[in-house]
N, C-alpha and C. Protein backbone atom coordinates (compact mmCIF):
# COMPACT_ATOMS: atom_id res chain seq x y z
N UNK A 1 -9.65 -22.33 -9.98
CA UNK A 1 -9.75 -20.99 -10.58
C UNK A 1 -10.24 -19.97 -9.56
N UNK A 2 -9.58 -18.84 -9.48
CA UNK A 2 -9.98 -17.77 -8.57
C UNK A 2 -11.08 -16.94 -9.23
N UNK A 3 -12.32 -17.06 -8.68
CA UNK A 3 -13.45 -16.36 -9.30
C UNK A 3 -13.58 -14.92 -8.82
N UNK A 4 -12.71 -14.53 -7.89
CA UNK A 4 -12.83 -13.19 -7.35
C UNK A 4 -12.67 -12.11 -8.41
N UNK A 5 -11.65 -12.26 -9.25
CA UNK A 5 -11.37 -11.24 -10.26
C UNK A 5 -12.52 -11.07 -11.27
N UNK A 6 -13.03 -12.16 -11.90
CA UNK A 6 -14.14 -11.95 -12.84
C UNK A 6 -15.40 -11.40 -12.19
N UNK A 7 -15.70 -11.83 -10.94
CA UNK A 7 -16.87 -11.29 -10.25
C UNK A 7 -16.71 -9.79 -10.01
N UNK A 8 -15.51 -9.42 -9.57
CA UNK A 8 -15.26 -7.99 -9.32
C UNK A 8 -15.39 -7.19 -10.61
N UNK A 9 -14.84 -7.73 -11.71
CA UNK A 9 -14.90 -7.02 -12.99
C UNK A 9 -16.34 -6.83 -13.47
N UNK A 10 -17.15 -7.89 -13.32
CA UNK A 10 -18.55 -7.80 -13.74
C UNK A 10 -19.28 -6.75 -12.92
N UNK A 11 -19.09 -6.78 -11.59
CA UNK A 11 -19.72 -5.80 -10.71
C UNK A 11 -19.27 -4.39 -11.05
N UNK A 12 -17.97 -4.25 -11.29
CA UNK A 12 -17.41 -2.92 -11.56
C UNK A 12 -17.97 -2.36 -12.87
N UNK A 13 -17.91 -3.17 -13.94
CA UNK A 13 -18.38 -2.72 -15.26
C UNK A 13 -19.87 -2.36 -15.21
N UNK A 14 -20.67 -3.23 -14.59
CA UNK A 14 -22.11 -2.98 -14.52
C UNK A 14 -22.41 -1.69 -13.75
N UNK A 15 -21.80 -1.54 -12.57
CA UNK A 15 -22.05 -0.35 -11.74
C UNK A 15 -21.55 0.91 -12.43
N UNK A 16 -20.36 0.81 -13.04
CA UNK A 16 -19.79 1.97 -13.72
C UNK A 16 -20.68 2.43 -14.87
N UNK A 17 -21.15 1.49 -15.68
CA UNK A 17 -21.98 1.84 -16.83
C UNK A 17 -23.31 2.45 -16.40
N UNK A 18 -23.91 1.88 -15.35
CA UNK A 18 -25.19 2.41 -14.86
C UNK A 18 -25.04 3.86 -14.40
N UNK A 19 -24.01 4.10 -13.59
CA UNK A 19 -23.79 5.45 -13.07
C UNK A 19 -23.38 6.40 -14.19
N UNK A 20 -22.47 5.94 -15.07
CA UNK A 20 -21.96 6.81 -16.12
C UNK A 20 -23.07 7.24 -17.08
N UNK A 21 -23.89 6.28 -17.52
CA UNK A 21 -24.96 6.63 -18.46
C UNK A 21 -26.06 7.46 -17.79
N UNK A 22 -26.20 7.32 -16.49
CA UNK A 22 -27.14 8.18 -15.76
C UNK A 22 -26.65 9.62 -15.78
N UNK A 23 -25.33 9.77 -15.61
CA UNK A 23 -24.73 11.11 -15.65
C UNK A 23 -24.85 11.69 -17.06
N UNK A 24 -24.62 10.85 -18.08
CA UNK A 24 -24.75 11.29 -19.47
C UNK A 24 -26.16 11.80 -19.74
N UNK A 25 -27.15 11.04 -19.25
CA UNK A 25 -28.55 11.44 -19.45
C UNK A 25 -28.85 12.78 -18.78
N UNK A 26 -28.26 12.99 -17.60
CA UNK A 26 -28.50 14.24 -16.88
C UNK A 26 -27.83 15.41 -17.59
N UNK A 27 -26.57 15.21 -18.02
CA UNK A 27 -25.82 16.30 -18.66
C UNK A 27 -26.40 16.67 -20.02
N UNK A 28 -27.11 15.72 -20.65
CA UNK A 28 -27.72 16.01 -21.95
C UNK A 28 -28.78 17.10 -21.84
N UNK A 29 -29.33 17.24 -20.66
CA UNK A 29 -30.36 18.26 -20.44
C UNK A 29 -29.76 19.66 -20.39
N UNK A 30 -28.46 19.73 -20.21
CA UNK A 30 -27.79 21.03 -20.20
C UNK A 30 -27.66 21.54 -21.64
N UNK A 31 -27.86 22.79 -21.82
CA UNK A 31 -27.77 23.36 -23.17
C UNK A 31 -26.32 23.69 -23.50
N UNK A 32 -25.55 22.62 -23.74
CA UNK A 32 -24.13 22.77 -24.06
C UNK A 32 -23.85 22.13 -25.41
N UNK A 33 -22.72 22.51 -26.00
CA UNK A 33 -22.33 21.92 -27.28
C UNK A 33 -21.95 20.46 -27.09
N UNK A 34 -21.90 19.72 -28.19
CA UNK A 34 -21.57 18.30 -28.14
C UNK A 34 -20.17 18.08 -27.56
N UNK A 35 -19.21 18.93 -27.96
CA UNK A 35 -17.83 18.79 -27.47
C UNK A 35 -17.76 19.04 -25.97
N UNK A 36 -18.50 20.05 -25.52
CA UNK A 36 -18.49 20.38 -24.10
C UNK A 36 -19.09 19.24 -23.28
N UNK A 37 -20.19 18.65 -23.80
CA UNK A 37 -20.81 17.52 -23.12
C UNK A 37 -19.86 16.32 -23.06
N UNK A 38 -19.17 16.05 -24.17
CA UNK A 38 -18.23 14.93 -24.22
C UNK A 38 -17.09 15.14 -23.23
N UNK A 39 -16.58 16.37 -23.18
CA UNK A 39 -15.47 16.69 -22.26
C UNK A 39 -15.91 16.49 -20.82
N UNK A 40 -17.10 17.00 -20.47
CA UNK A 40 -17.60 16.87 -19.10
C UNK A 40 -17.82 15.41 -18.73
N UNK A 41 -18.41 14.64 -19.64
CA UNK A 41 -18.68 13.23 -19.37
C UNK A 41 -17.41 12.40 -19.24
N UNK A 42 -16.43 12.67 -20.09
CA UNK A 42 -15.15 11.96 -20.01
C UNK A 42 -14.44 12.29 -18.70
N UNK A 43 -14.46 13.58 -18.32
CA UNK A 43 -13.83 14.01 -17.07
C UNK A 43 -14.49 13.34 -15.88
N UNK A 44 -15.83 13.33 -15.87
CA UNK A 44 -16.56 12.68 -14.78
C UNK A 44 -16.25 11.19 -14.76
N UNK A 45 -16.18 10.57 -15.94
CA UNK A 45 -15.88 9.14 -16.03
C UNK A 45 -14.51 8.81 -15.46
N UNK A 46 -13.52 9.65 -15.74
CA UNK A 46 -12.16 9.42 -15.24
C UNK A 46 -12.13 9.51 -13.71
N UNK A 47 -12.82 10.51 -13.17
CA UNK A 47 -12.88 10.68 -11.71
C UNK A 47 -13.66 9.53 -11.08
N UNK A 48 -14.79 9.20 -11.71
CA UNK A 48 -15.67 8.15 -11.21
C UNK A 48 -14.97 6.80 -11.19
N UNK A 49 -14.13 6.53 -12.17
CA UNK A 49 -13.46 5.23 -12.31
C UNK A 49 -12.70 4.85 -11.04
N UNK A 50 -11.84 5.74 -10.58
CA UNK A 50 -11.01 5.43 -9.41
C UNK A 50 -11.84 5.39 -8.14
N UNK A 51 -12.75 6.36 -7.99
CA UNK A 51 -13.59 6.40 -6.79
C UNK A 51 -14.44 5.13 -6.68
N UNK A 52 -15.05 4.74 -7.80
CA UNK A 52 -15.89 3.54 -7.80
C UNK A 52 -15.08 2.28 -7.56
N UNK A 53 -13.89 2.22 -8.14
CA UNK A 53 -13.03 1.06 -7.96
C UNK A 53 -12.66 0.87 -6.49
N UNK A 54 -12.25 1.94 -5.82
CA UNK A 54 -11.90 1.86 -4.40
C UNK A 54 -13.10 1.48 -3.55
N UNK A 55 -14.26 2.05 -3.89
CA UNK A 55 -15.48 1.76 -3.14
C UNK A 55 -15.86 0.29 -3.29
N UNK A 56 -15.78 -0.25 -4.51
CA UNK A 56 -16.14 -1.64 -4.75
C UNK A 56 -15.15 -2.60 -4.09
N UNK A 57 -13.88 -2.23 -4.06
CA UNK A 57 -12.87 -3.06 -3.40
C UNK A 57 -13.23 -3.23 -1.93
N UNK A 58 -13.59 -2.11 -1.27
CA UNK A 58 -13.95 -2.16 0.14
C UNK A 58 -15.23 -2.96 0.37
N UNK A 59 -16.23 -2.76 -0.51
CA UNK A 59 -17.50 -3.45 -0.36
C UNK A 59 -17.34 -4.96 -0.57
N UNK A 60 -16.62 -5.35 -1.64
CA UNK A 60 -16.45 -6.78 -1.91
C UNK A 60 -15.58 -7.46 -0.87
N UNK A 61 -14.58 -6.73 -0.37
CA UNK A 61 -13.74 -7.29 0.69
C UNK A 61 -14.57 -7.54 1.96
N UNK A 62 -15.51 -6.65 2.20
CA UNK A 62 -16.29 -6.72 3.44
C UNK A 62 -17.40 -7.76 3.37
N UNK A 63 -18.05 -7.88 2.21
CA UNK A 63 -19.24 -8.72 2.13
C UNK A 63 -19.10 -9.97 1.26
N UNK A 64 -18.17 -9.99 0.31
CA UNK A 64 -18.08 -11.14 -0.59
C UNK A 64 -16.83 -11.98 -0.40
N UNK A 65 -15.69 -11.32 -0.21
CA UNK A 65 -14.41 -12.05 -0.19
C UNK A 65 -13.76 -11.93 1.18
N UNK A 66 -14.28 -12.66 2.14
CA UNK A 66 -13.76 -12.56 3.50
C UNK A 66 -12.78 -13.68 3.86
N UNK A 67 -12.32 -14.40 2.85
CA UNK A 67 -11.38 -15.48 3.09
C UNK A 67 -10.09 -14.93 3.67
N UNK A 68 -9.59 -15.60 4.72
CA UNK A 68 -8.35 -15.17 5.36
C UNK A 68 -7.16 -15.41 4.43
N UNK A 69 -6.14 -14.59 4.57
CA UNK A 69 -4.95 -14.74 3.75
C UNK A 69 -4.17 -15.98 4.16
N UNK A 70 -3.36 -16.46 3.24
CA UNK A 70 -2.48 -17.60 3.50
C UNK A 70 -1.18 -17.07 4.11
N UNK A 71 -0.91 -17.45 5.35
CA UNK A 71 0.23 -16.94 6.12
C UNK A 71 1.55 -17.07 5.35
N UNK A 72 1.88 -18.29 4.93
CA UNK A 72 3.17 -18.53 4.28
C UNK A 72 3.23 -17.92 2.89
N UNK A 73 2.09 -17.88 2.21
CA UNK A 73 2.05 -17.29 0.87
C UNK A 73 2.32 -15.79 0.94
N UNK A 74 1.75 -15.12 1.94
CA UNK A 74 1.98 -13.68 2.11
C UNK A 74 3.45 -13.40 2.40
N UNK A 75 4.03 -14.17 3.29
CA UNK A 75 5.45 -13.99 3.61
C UNK A 75 6.32 -14.19 2.38
N UNK A 76 6.00 -15.20 1.59
CA UNK A 76 6.76 -15.49 0.38
C UNK A 76 6.61 -14.37 -0.65
N UNK A 77 5.39 -13.86 -0.83
CA UNK A 77 5.14 -12.80 -1.80
C UNK A 77 5.87 -11.52 -1.41
N UNK A 78 5.83 -11.18 -0.14
CA UNK A 78 6.50 -9.96 0.32
C UNK A 78 8.02 -10.09 0.19
N UNK A 79 8.55 -11.26 0.50
CA UNK A 79 9.99 -11.49 0.35
C UNK A 79 10.41 -11.43 -1.11
N UNK A 80 9.59 -12.02 -1.98
CA UNK A 80 9.88 -12.00 -3.42
C UNK A 80 9.86 -10.57 -3.95
N UNK A 81 8.89 -9.78 -3.49
CA UNK A 81 8.81 -8.38 -3.91
C UNK A 81 10.06 -7.62 -3.52
N UNK A 82 10.57 -7.90 -2.33
CA UNK A 82 11.79 -7.22 -1.88
C UNK A 82 13.00 -7.70 -2.68
N UNK A 83 13.06 -9.01 -2.95
CA UNK A 83 14.19 -9.57 -3.70
C UNK A 83 14.27 -9.00 -5.11
N UNK A 84 13.13 -8.57 -5.65
CA UNK A 84 13.10 -8.01 -7.00
C UNK A 84 13.57 -6.56 -7.05
N UNK A 85 13.75 -5.96 -5.89
CA UNK A 85 14.24 -4.58 -5.86
C UNK A 85 15.73 -4.54 -6.21
N UNK A 86 16.15 -3.47 -6.86
CA UNK A 86 17.57 -3.27 -7.14
C UNK A 86 18.20 -2.64 -5.91
N UNK A 87 18.93 -3.45 -5.18
CA UNK A 87 19.43 -3.02 -3.87
C UNK A 87 20.26 -1.74 -3.93
N UNK A 88 21.10 -1.63 -4.97
CA UNK A 88 21.99 -0.47 -5.04
C UNK A 88 21.25 0.80 -5.42
N UNK A 89 19.99 0.67 -5.88
CA UNK A 89 19.20 1.84 -6.28
C UNK A 89 17.96 2.02 -5.40
N UNK A 90 17.91 1.27 -4.31
CA UNK A 90 16.77 1.34 -3.41
C UNK A 90 17.20 1.99 -2.10
N UNK A 91 16.41 2.98 -1.67
CA UNK A 91 16.70 3.71 -0.45
C UNK A 91 15.66 3.37 0.61
N UNK A 92 15.93 3.69 1.89
CA UNK A 92 14.94 3.44 2.94
C UNK A 92 13.56 4.01 2.62
N UNK A 93 13.52 5.17 1.97
CA UNK A 93 12.23 5.77 1.61
C UNK A 93 11.46 4.89 0.62
N UNK A 94 12.20 4.22 -0.30
CA UNK A 94 11.57 3.29 -1.25
C UNK A 94 11.03 2.07 -0.52
N UNK A 95 11.81 1.57 0.44
CA UNK A 95 11.39 0.42 1.23
C UNK A 95 10.15 0.77 2.05
N UNK A 96 10.13 1.97 2.58
CA UNK A 96 8.99 2.43 3.37
C UNK A 96 7.70 2.39 2.54
N UNK A 97 7.76 2.87 1.31
CA UNK A 97 6.59 2.85 0.41
C UNK A 97 6.18 1.42 0.10
N UNK A 98 7.18 0.56 -0.10
CA UNK A 98 6.90 -0.85 -0.41
C UNK A 98 6.20 -1.54 0.76
N UNK A 99 6.69 -1.29 1.96
CA UNK A 99 6.10 -1.91 3.16
C UNK A 99 4.64 -1.50 3.31
N UNK A 100 4.37 -0.21 3.18
CA UNK A 100 3.00 0.29 3.33
C UNK A 100 2.08 -0.36 2.29
N UNK A 101 2.55 -0.39 1.05
CA UNK A 101 1.75 -0.97 -0.03
C UNK A 101 1.52 -2.46 0.18
N UNK A 102 2.57 -3.20 0.54
CA UNK A 102 2.49 -4.65 0.69
C UNK A 102 1.60 -5.04 1.86
N UNK A 103 1.75 -4.39 3.00
CA UNK A 103 0.95 -4.73 4.18
C UNK A 103 -0.52 -4.40 3.94
N UNK A 104 -0.78 -3.24 3.35
CA UNK A 104 -2.16 -2.84 3.06
C UNK A 104 -2.84 -3.84 2.14
N UNK A 105 -2.12 -4.24 1.09
CA UNK A 105 -2.69 -5.12 0.08
C UNK A 105 -2.82 -6.57 0.56
N UNK A 106 -1.75 -7.12 1.10
CA UNK A 106 -1.74 -8.54 1.46
C UNK A 106 -2.58 -8.86 2.68
N UNK A 107 -2.63 -7.94 3.66
CA UNK A 107 -3.42 -8.18 4.86
C UNK A 107 -4.81 -7.56 4.74
N UNK A 108 -5.04 -6.86 3.61
CA UNK A 108 -6.33 -6.25 3.29
C UNK A 108 -6.80 -5.34 4.43
N UNK A 109 -6.00 -4.30 4.66
CA UNK A 109 -6.28 -3.33 5.70
C UNK A 109 -6.75 -2.01 5.10
N UNK A 110 -7.49 -1.25 5.89
CA UNK A 110 -8.00 0.04 5.40
C UNK A 110 -6.87 1.05 5.23
N UNK A 111 -5.96 1.10 6.17
CA UNK A 111 -4.84 2.03 6.06
C UNK A 111 -3.63 1.56 6.87
N UNK A 112 -2.47 1.96 6.39
CA UNK A 112 -1.21 1.62 7.05
C UNK A 112 -0.28 2.82 6.91
N UNK A 113 0.40 3.20 7.98
CA UNK A 113 1.38 4.28 7.91
C UNK A 113 2.64 3.85 8.67
N UNK A 114 3.73 4.53 8.39
CA UNK A 114 4.99 4.29 9.10
C UNK A 114 5.48 5.61 9.67
N UNK A 115 5.71 5.62 10.97
CA UNK A 115 6.21 6.82 11.64
C UNK A 115 7.73 6.82 11.66
N UNK A 116 8.31 8.00 11.43
CA UNK A 116 9.75 8.17 11.56
C UNK A 116 10.09 8.34 13.05
N UNK A 117 11.38 8.24 13.35
CA UNK A 117 11.82 8.31 14.75
C UNK A 117 11.38 9.59 15.45
N UNK A 118 11.39 10.72 14.71
CA UNK A 118 11.01 11.99 15.33
C UNK A 118 9.50 12.12 15.55
N UNK A 119 8.73 11.11 15.10
CA UNK A 119 7.28 11.13 15.27
C UNK A 119 6.81 10.14 16.34
N UNK A 120 7.75 9.39 16.91
CA UNK A 120 7.38 8.37 17.88
C UNK A 120 6.58 8.93 19.06
N UNK A 121 6.94 10.14 19.50
CA UNK A 121 6.27 10.72 20.66
C UNK A 121 4.80 11.05 20.39
N UNK A 122 4.44 11.13 19.11
CA UNK A 122 3.05 11.43 18.74
C UNK A 122 2.25 10.17 18.39
N UNK A 123 2.80 9.01 18.72
CA UNK A 123 2.17 7.75 18.33
C UNK A 123 0.71 7.66 18.78
N UNK A 124 0.45 7.87 20.06
CA UNK A 124 -0.91 7.71 20.58
C UNK A 124 -1.88 8.69 19.94
N UNK A 125 -1.43 9.93 19.74
CA UNK A 125 -2.29 10.95 19.12
C UNK A 125 -2.63 10.55 17.69
N UNK A 126 -1.63 10.08 16.94
CA UNK A 126 -1.83 9.67 15.55
C UNK A 126 -2.73 8.44 15.48
N UNK A 127 -2.53 7.50 16.40
CA UNK A 127 -3.35 6.28 16.41
C UNK A 127 -4.82 6.61 16.65
N UNK A 128 -5.09 7.53 17.55
CA UNK A 128 -6.47 7.92 17.83
C UNK A 128 -7.07 8.68 16.67
N UNK A 129 -6.29 9.59 16.10
CA UNK A 129 -6.81 10.43 15.00
C UNK A 129 -7.11 9.60 13.77
N UNK A 130 -6.24 8.64 13.44
CA UNK A 130 -6.42 7.83 12.24
C UNK A 130 -7.10 6.49 12.52
N UNK A 131 -7.48 6.28 13.80
CA UNK A 131 -8.17 5.05 14.22
C UNK A 131 -7.33 3.81 13.87
N UNK A 132 -6.06 3.87 14.21
CA UNK A 132 -5.18 2.73 13.98
C UNK A 132 -5.38 1.69 15.08
N UNK A 133 -5.16 0.43 14.72
CA UNK A 133 -5.44 -0.67 15.64
C UNK A 133 -4.20 -1.20 16.34
N UNK A 134 -3.08 -1.20 15.62
CA UNK A 134 -1.90 -1.91 16.13
C UNK A 134 -0.63 -1.19 15.72
N UNK A 135 0.39 -1.32 16.53
CA UNK A 135 1.69 -0.72 16.19
C UNK A 135 2.80 -1.74 16.44
N UNK A 136 3.81 -1.70 15.58
CA UNK A 136 4.91 -2.65 15.67
C UNK A 136 6.19 -1.96 15.21
N UNK A 137 7.24 -1.99 16.04
CA UNK A 137 8.48 -1.32 15.64
C UNK A 137 9.25 -2.09 14.57
N UNK A 138 9.93 -1.35 13.72
CA UNK A 138 10.85 -1.93 12.73
C UNK A 138 12.24 -1.47 13.14
N UNK A 139 13.10 -2.42 13.43
CA UNK A 139 14.40 -2.11 14.04
C UNK A 139 15.52 -1.96 13.03
N UNK A 140 16.51 -1.18 13.42
CA UNK A 140 17.77 -1.08 12.69
C UNK A 140 18.89 -1.05 13.71
N UNK A 141 19.76 -2.02 13.62
CA UNK A 141 20.85 -2.17 14.59
C UNK A 141 20.32 -2.30 16.02
N UNK A 142 19.20 -3.01 16.16
CA UNK A 142 18.65 -3.28 17.49
C UNK A 142 17.81 -2.17 18.09
N UNK A 143 17.67 -1.05 17.37
CA UNK A 143 16.90 0.08 17.90
C UNK A 143 15.73 0.41 16.96
N UNK A 144 14.60 0.88 17.52
CA UNK A 144 13.45 1.24 16.67
C UNK A 144 13.83 2.35 15.67
N UNK A 145 13.65 2.07 14.41
CA UNK A 145 13.95 3.03 13.35
C UNK A 145 12.65 3.60 12.77
N UNK A 146 11.67 2.72 12.60
CA UNK A 146 10.33 3.09 12.16
C UNK A 146 9.31 2.47 13.09
N UNK A 147 8.09 2.99 13.03
CA UNK A 147 6.98 2.42 13.78
C UNK A 147 5.84 2.16 12.80
N UNK A 148 5.51 0.88 12.61
CA UNK A 148 4.45 0.49 11.67
C UNK A 148 3.10 0.54 12.38
N UNK A 149 2.20 1.38 11.89
CA UNK A 149 0.85 1.49 12.45
C UNK A 149 -0.14 0.94 11.44
N UNK A 150 -1.01 0.03 11.89
CA UNK A 150 -1.98 -0.59 10.98
C UNK A 150 -3.40 -0.29 11.42
N UNK A 151 -4.29 -0.08 10.41
CA UNK A 151 -5.68 0.25 10.68
C UNK A 151 -6.57 -0.97 10.68
N UNK A 152 -7.87 -0.73 10.57
CA UNK A 152 -8.86 -1.81 10.61
C UNK A 152 -8.79 -2.66 9.35
N UNK A 153 -9.30 -3.89 9.45
CA UNK A 153 -9.39 -4.78 8.29
C UNK A 153 -10.57 -4.36 7.43
N UNK A 154 -10.42 -4.47 6.11
CA UNK A 154 -11.49 -4.08 5.20
C UNK A 154 -12.74 -4.94 5.38
N UNK A 155 -12.56 -6.14 5.87
CA UNK A 155 -13.69 -7.05 6.08
C UNK A 155 -14.56 -6.61 7.25
N UNK A 156 -14.03 -5.72 8.09
CA UNK A 156 -14.77 -5.29 9.27
C UNK A 156 -14.52 -6.18 10.48
N UNK A 157 -13.80 -7.27 10.29
CA UNK A 157 -13.50 -8.17 11.40
C UNK A 157 -12.40 -7.61 12.28
N UNK A 158 -12.35 -8.09 13.52
CA UNK A 158 -11.29 -7.70 14.42
C UNK A 158 -10.01 -8.47 14.11
N UNK A 159 -8.91 -8.05 14.68
CA UNK A 159 -7.64 -8.74 14.47
C UNK A 159 -7.68 -10.11 15.16
N UNK A 160 -7.18 -11.12 14.46
CA UNK A 160 -7.08 -12.46 15.02
C UNK A 160 -5.66 -12.68 15.55
N UNK A 161 -5.47 -13.82 16.20
CA UNK A 161 -4.13 -14.17 16.69
C UNK A 161 -3.17 -14.28 15.52
N UNK A 162 -3.67 -14.78 14.37
CA UNK A 162 -2.83 -14.92 13.19
C UNK A 162 -2.38 -13.54 12.68
N UNK A 163 -3.26 -12.54 12.77
CA UNK A 163 -2.91 -11.20 12.32
C UNK A 163 -1.76 -10.62 13.14
N UNK A 164 -1.85 -10.79 14.46
CA UNK A 164 -0.79 -10.27 15.33
C UNK A 164 0.53 -11.01 15.08
N UNK A 165 0.43 -12.33 14.88
CA UNK A 165 1.64 -13.12 14.59
C UNK A 165 2.24 -12.69 13.26
N UNK A 166 1.37 -12.47 12.26
CA UNK A 166 1.83 -12.05 10.95
C UNK A 166 2.55 -10.70 11.03
N UNK A 167 1.96 -9.75 11.71
CA UNK A 167 2.56 -8.41 11.80
C UNK A 167 3.88 -8.45 12.56
N UNK A 168 3.97 -9.28 13.58
CA UNK A 168 5.21 -9.42 14.33
C UNK A 168 6.31 -10.03 13.44
N UNK A 169 5.92 -11.07 12.67
CA UNK A 169 6.87 -11.73 11.76
C UNK A 169 7.31 -10.77 10.66
N UNK A 170 6.34 -10.03 10.09
CA UNK A 170 6.67 -9.08 9.04
C UNK A 170 7.59 -7.98 9.56
N UNK A 171 7.36 -7.55 10.78
CA UNK A 171 8.23 -6.52 11.37
C UNK A 171 9.68 -6.99 11.41
N UNK A 172 9.87 -8.25 11.79
CA UNK A 172 11.22 -8.81 11.82
C UNK A 172 11.82 -8.87 10.42
N UNK A 173 10.98 -9.26 9.45
CA UNK A 173 11.44 -9.32 8.06
C UNK A 173 11.82 -7.92 7.56
N UNK A 174 10.98 -6.94 7.86
CA UNK A 174 11.24 -5.58 7.41
C UNK A 174 12.51 -5.01 8.04
N UNK A 175 12.79 -5.43 9.27
CA UNK A 175 14.03 -5.01 9.93
C UNK A 175 15.25 -5.55 9.17
N UNK A 176 15.13 -6.79 8.70
CA UNK A 176 16.21 -7.40 7.91
C UNK A 176 16.34 -6.67 6.57
N UNK A 177 15.20 -6.39 5.92
CA UNK A 177 15.22 -5.66 4.65
C UNK A 177 15.92 -4.30 4.83
N UNK A 178 15.54 -3.60 5.90
CA UNK A 178 16.10 -2.27 6.16
C UNK A 178 17.61 -2.35 6.38
N UNK A 179 18.04 -3.36 7.12
CA UNK A 179 19.47 -3.54 7.37
C UNK A 179 20.22 -3.80 6.06
N UNK A 180 19.65 -4.65 5.20
CA UNK A 180 20.30 -4.98 3.92
C UNK A 180 20.40 -3.75 3.02
N UNK A 181 19.35 -2.94 3.00
CA UNK A 181 19.35 -1.75 2.14
C UNK A 181 20.35 -0.71 2.64
N UNK A 182 20.36 -0.46 3.93
CA UNK A 182 21.30 0.53 4.48
C UNK A 182 22.74 0.05 4.31
N UNK A 183 22.96 -1.26 4.46
CA UNK A 183 24.29 -1.82 4.28
C UNK A 183 24.73 -1.67 2.82
N UNK A 184 23.82 -1.97 1.89
CA UNK A 184 24.12 -1.84 0.46
C UNK A 184 24.43 -0.40 0.10
N UNK A 185 23.65 0.53 0.64
CA UNK A 185 23.88 1.94 0.36
C UNK A 185 25.22 2.41 0.92
N UNK A 186 25.56 1.94 2.11
CA UNK A 186 26.85 2.29 2.72
C UNK A 186 28.01 1.79 1.87
N UNK A 187 27.90 0.54 1.40
CA UNK A 187 28.95 -0.03 0.56
C UNK A 187 29.04 0.70 -0.78
N UNK A 188 27.89 1.08 -1.32
CA UNK A 188 27.87 1.81 -2.60
C UNK A 188 28.55 3.17 -2.46
N UNK A 189 28.23 3.88 -1.37
CA UNK A 189 28.85 5.19 -1.13
C UNK A 189 30.35 5.04 -0.91
N UNK A 190 30.75 4.03 -0.15
CA UNK A 190 32.18 3.79 0.11
C UNK A 190 32.92 3.50 -1.20
N UNK A 191 32.29 2.71 -2.07
CA UNK A 191 32.88 2.39 -3.36
C UNK A 191 33.05 3.65 -4.21
N UNK A 192 32.03 4.50 -4.20
CA UNK A 192 32.09 5.75 -4.98
C UNK A 192 33.19 6.66 -4.46
N UNK A 193 33.32 6.73 -3.14
CA UNK A 193 34.36 7.57 -2.54
C UNK A 193 35.75 7.04 -2.92
N UNK A 194 35.93 5.72 -2.86
CA UNK A 194 37.22 5.12 -3.22
C UNK A 194 37.56 5.39 -4.69
N UNK A 195 36.54 5.34 -5.55
CA UNK A 195 36.76 5.62 -6.98
C UNK A 195 37.19 7.06 -7.20
N UNK A 196 36.56 7.98 -6.46
CA UNK A 196 36.91 9.40 -6.55
C UNK A 196 38.36 9.63 -6.11
N UNK A 197 38.73 8.95 -4.99
CA UNK A 197 40.10 9.11 -4.46
C UNK A 197 41.12 8.57 -5.45
N UNK A 198 40.82 7.39 -6.04
CA UNK A 198 41.72 6.80 -7.04
C UNK A 198 41.87 7.68 -8.26
N UNK A 199 40.78 8.27 -8.71
CA UNK A 199 40.82 9.16 -9.87
C UNK A 199 41.65 10.41 -9.59
N UNK A 200 41.53 10.92 -8.37
CA UNK A 200 42.26 12.14 -8.01
C UNK A 200 43.76 11.87 -7.87
N UNK A 201 44.14 10.64 -7.58
CA UNK A 201 45.54 10.28 -7.38
C UNK A 201 46.24 9.95 -8.70
N UNK A 202 45.43 9.80 -9.78
CA UNK A 202 46.05 9.46 -11.06
C UNK A 202 46.54 10.68 -11.81
């Protein structure tokens, strides 16, 4: 049984309630109507929920859950996620979002971005500004199409040999994904054009 989820939930609920009721106690001192107080507290609670969740994720990743990811499991999960996409309705921009989300989540990194070809010349500036650790090209037809930049690990640890191997392997996988999506889109467009031509000839 994976105890990470229940531990995180207990920590989150306890911390959220402590902070929320502290805010409620403070706002009660304001001479406002009951509805106004409820509105303010609910609004603060909604904002607090996401902020606290992100903060706890970083804290627990750094101090409680420092177990390294399973190399083959991550590769399988990312491949499965891609296989579940509807190829004819997925564009490179959709794949780009998926890659950023998957790498950030599975490798438990603080931040991940992908540079377009026209941004390659600013790579070093962007890496310094965002404190990125590593960069890996994603190819299309043998040429760099995107540049994957990855930040620090949430655990605070440095990159291991496995991390570099994983990112290199994922880059190759993402290049295949990109090729399949662009090929599917090209075939879809060609099919639509042929249908238009056939309709016009009837």
